[in-house]
Amino acid sequence: SELVYEHYDAMLEYYGTHLGVGIARKHISWYCTGLPGANEFRNNINKMNDPKQVKEALKNYFGALIE
């Protein structure tokens, strides 16, 4: 899960917030492919534009899988 957070932050830093959030969506989709609840998670992430909201969703989703 730390890799996902680091990759997300790196994309925001490289592309900027506006582009980074959109570009990160496909990477986030790849990270959760085949995991429980992935479709619903992807649908929610794809509607989010606020990077803080996305990061919180990432922590909640991947954190729940780890526990």
N, C-alpha and C. Protein backbone atom coordinates (compact mmCIF):
# COMPACT_ATOMS: atom_id res chain seq x y z
N SER A 1 0.81 -1.20 0.00
CA SER A 1 0.00 0.00 0.00
C SER A 1 0.86 1.27 0.00
N GLU A 2 2.00 1.21 0.66
CA GLU A 2 2.89 2.39 0.66
C GLU A 2 3.34 2.73 -0.76
N LEU A 3 3.56 1.72 -1.57
CA LEU A 3 3.97 1.94 -2.96
C LEU A 3 2.89 2.72 -3.71
N VAL A 4 1.64 2.38 -3.49
CA VAL A 4 0.54 3.07 -4.16
C VAL A 4 0.52 4.54 -3.76
N TYR A 5 0.67 4.82 -2.46
CA TYR A 5 0.66 6.21 -1.99
C TYR A 5 1.84 6.99 -2.56
N GLU A 6 3.01 6.38 -2.57
CA GLU A 6 4.20 7.06 -3.10
C GLU A 6 4.06 7.33 -4.59
N HIS A 7 3.53 6.36 -5.32
CA HIS A 7 3.35 6.53 -6.76
C HIS A 7 2.34 7.63 -7.03
N TYR A 8 1.26 7.67 -6.26
CA TYR A 8 0.24 8.70 -6.42
C TYR A 8 0.84 10.09 -6.17
N ASP A 9 1.57 10.23 -5.09
CA ASP A 9 2.21 11.51 -4.78
C ASP A 9 3.19 11.93 -5.87
N ALA A 10 3.93 10.97 -6.38
CA ALA A 10 4.91 11.26 -7.44
C ALA A 10 4.21 11.74 -8.71
N MET A 11 3.08 11.14 -9.04
CA MET A 11 2.35 11.57 -10.24
C MET A 11 1.80 12.98 -10.06
N LEU A 12 1.31 13.29 -8.87
CA LEU A 12 0.82 14.65 -8.62
C LEU A 12 1.95 15.66 -8.70
N GLU A 13 3.09 15.29 -8.18
CA GLU A 13 4.24 16.19 -8.21
C GLU A 13 4.72 16.40 -9.64
N TYR A 14 4.78 15.34 -10.41
CA TYR A 14 5.30 15.43 -11.77
C TYR A 14 4.33 16.14 -12.72
N TYR A 15 3.05 15.74 -12.68
CA TYR A 15 2.07 16.26 -13.63
C TYR A 15 1.29 17.47 -13.13
N GLY A 16 1.39 17.74 -11.83
CA GLY A 16 0.57 18.78 -11.23
C GLY A 16 -0.74 18.18 -10.76
N THR A 17 -1.42 18.90 -9.92
CA THR A 17 -2.63 18.35 -9.30
C THR A 17 -3.72 18.03 -10.32
N HIS A 18 -4.02 18.96 -11.18
CA HIS A 18 -5.14 18.77 -12.11
C HIS A 18 -4.92 17.56 -13.03
N LEU A 19 -3.82 17.53 -13.73
CA LEU A 19 -3.53 16.41 -14.63
C LEU A 19 -3.22 15.13 -13.85
N GLY A 20 -2.48 15.27 -12.76
CA GLY A 20 -2.04 14.11 -11.99
C GLY A 20 -3.18 13.27 -11.47
N VAL A 21 -4.23 13.91 -10.97
CA VAL A 21 -5.37 13.16 -10.45
C VAL A 21 -5.98 12.30 -11.56
N GLY A 22 -6.15 12.86 -12.72
CA GLY A 22 -6.73 12.11 -13.84
C GLY A 22 -5.83 11.00 -14.34
N ILE A 23 -4.56 11.29 -14.49
CA ILE A 23 -3.61 10.29 -14.97
C ILE A 23 -3.46 9.15 -13.97
N ALA A 24 -3.52 9.47 -12.70
CA ALA A 24 -3.35 8.45 -11.66
C ALA A 24 -4.49 7.44 -11.65
N ARG A 25 -5.64 7.81 -12.16
CA ARG A 25 -6.79 6.90 -12.14
C ARG A 25 -6.50 5.57 -12.79
N LYS A 26 -5.85 5.58 -13.94
CA LYS A 26 -5.58 4.31 -14.62
C LYS A 26 -4.59 3.48 -13.82
N HIS A 27 -3.63 4.11 -13.18
CA HIS A 27 -2.66 3.38 -12.37
C HIS A 27 -3.33 2.78 -11.14
N ILE A 28 -4.20 3.55 -10.52
CA ILE A 28 -4.94 3.05 -9.36
C ILE A 28 -5.79 1.85 -9.77
N SER A 29 -6.40 1.93 -10.94
CA SER A 29 -7.19 0.80 -11.44
C SER A 29 -6.34 -0.45 -11.58
N TRP A 30 -5.14 -0.29 -12.08
CA TRP A 30 -4.24 -1.44 -12.23
C TRP A 30 -3.86 -2.02 -10.87
N TYR A 31 -3.63 -1.17 -9.91
CA TYR A 31 -3.23 -1.64 -8.58
C TYR A 31 -4.32 -2.48 -7.93
N CYS A 32 -5.58 -2.20 -8.18
CA CYS A 32 -6.65 -2.92 -7.48
C CYS A 32 -7.31 -4.00 -8.34
N THR A 33 -6.84 -4.22 -9.54
CA THR A 33 -7.41 -5.24 -10.41
C THR A 33 -7.40 -6.60 -9.71
N GLY A 34 -8.56 -7.23 -9.68
CA GLY A 34 -8.69 -8.55 -9.10
C GLY A 34 -8.87 -8.58 -7.59
N LEU A 35 -8.82 -7.44 -6.95
CA LEU A 35 -8.99 -7.38 -5.50
C LEU A 35 -10.47 -7.24 -5.15
N PRO A 36 -10.85 -7.66 -3.94
CA PRO A 36 -12.25 -7.54 -3.53
C PRO A 36 -12.73 -6.09 -3.54
N GLY A 37 -13.90 -5.88 -4.07
CA GLY A 37 -14.50 -4.55 -4.10
C GLY A 37 -13.86 -3.58 -5.07
N ALA A 38 -13.03 -4.08 -5.98
CA ALA A 38 -12.28 -3.21 -6.89
C ALA A 38 -13.18 -2.40 -7.81
N ASN A 39 -14.25 -3.00 -8.31
CA ASN A 39 -15.12 -2.26 -9.24
C ASN A 39 -15.75 -1.05 -8.58
N GLU A 40 -16.29 -1.24 -7.40
CA GLU A 40 -16.92 -0.12 -6.68
C GLU A 40 -15.87 0.93 -6.32
N PHE A 41 -14.70 0.47 -5.88
CA PHE A 41 -13.62 1.39 -5.53
C PHE A 41 -13.22 2.23 -6.74
N ARG A 42 -13.01 1.58 -7.88
CA ARG A 42 -12.64 2.30 -9.11
C ARG A 42 -13.72 3.30 -9.51
N ASN A 43 -14.97 2.90 -9.43
CA ASN A 43 -16.06 3.81 -9.79
C ASN A 43 -16.03 5.06 -8.91
N ASN A 44 -15.78 4.88 -7.63
CA ASN A 44 -15.71 6.03 -6.72
C ASN A 44 -14.50 6.91 -7.01
N ILE A 45 -13.35 6.30 -7.19
CA ILE A 45 -12.12 7.04 -7.47
C ILE A 45 -12.26 7.86 -8.76
N ASN A 46 -12.90 7.28 -9.75
CA ASN A 46 -13.02 7.96 -11.04
C ASN A 46 -13.90 9.20 -10.98
N LYS A 47 -14.64 9.38 -9.91
CA LYS A 47 -15.49 10.56 -9.75
C LYS A 47 -14.80 11.64 -8.91
N MET A 48 -13.68 11.32 -8.31
CA MET A 48 -13.01 12.24 -7.40
C MET A 48 -12.01 13.12 -8.13
N ASN A 49 -11.98 14.41 -7.76
CA ASN A 49 -11.02 15.35 -8.33
C ASN A 49 -10.10 15.96 -7.28
N ASP A 50 -10.45 15.80 -6.03
CA ASP A 50 -9.66 16.35 -4.93
C ASP A 50 -8.61 15.32 -4.52
N PRO A 51 -7.31 15.65 -4.66
CA PRO A 51 -6.27 14.68 -4.34
C PRO A 51 -6.29 14.20 -2.89
N LYS A 52 -6.72 15.05 -1.97
CA LYS A 52 -6.81 14.62 -0.57
C LYS A 52 -7.90 13.58 -0.40
N GLN A 53 -9.00 13.77 -1.11
CA GLN A 53 -10.10 12.81 -1.06
C GLN A 53 -9.66 11.47 -1.66
N VAL A 54 -8.93 11.52 -2.76
CA VAL A 54 -8.44 10.30 -3.40
C VAL A 54 -7.48 9.58 -2.46
N LYS A 55 -6.57 10.32 -1.85
CA LYS A 55 -5.59 9.70 -0.95
C LYS A 55 -6.29 9.05 0.24
N GLU A 56 -7.30 9.69 0.77
CA GLU A 56 -8.06 9.11 1.88
C GLU A 56 -8.75 7.82 1.44
N ALA A 57 -9.32 7.84 0.23
CA ALA A 57 -9.97 6.63 -0.31
C ALA A 57 -8.95 5.51 -0.50
N LEU A 58 -7.76 5.85 -0.97
CA LEU A 58 -6.70 4.84 -1.12
C LEU A 58 -6.35 4.21 0.22
N LYS A 59 -6.17 5.06 1.22
CA LYS A 59 -5.82 4.55 2.56
C LYS A 59 -6.93 3.66 3.10
N ASN A 60 -8.18 4.07 2.93
CA ASN A 60 -9.29 3.27 3.43
C ASN A 60 -9.40 1.93 2.71
N TYR A 61 -9.28 1.96 1.39
CA TYR A 61 -9.43 0.73 0.60
C TYR A 61 -8.28 -0.24 0.87
N PHE A 62 -7.05 0.22 0.67
CA PHE A 62 -5.92 -0.70 0.82
C PHE A 62 -5.68 -1.04 2.30
N GLY A 63 -5.97 -0.11 3.20
CA GLY A 63 -5.83 -0.39 4.62
C GLY A 63 -6.76 -1.50 5.07
N ALA A 64 -8.00 -1.47 4.56
CA ALA A 64 -8.97 -2.51 4.91
C ALA A 64 -8.55 -3.87 4.37
N LEU A 65 -7.91 -3.89 3.21
CA LEU A 65 -7.46 -5.16 2.64
C LEU A 65 -6.31 -5.75 3.45
N ILE A 66 -5.47 -4.90 3.96
CA ILE A 66 -4.31 -5.37 4.72
C ILE A 66 -4.74 -5.94 6.07
N GLU A 67 -5.74 -5.30 6.68
CA GLU A 67 -6.23 -5.78 7.98
C GLU A 67 -6.96 -7.06 7.79
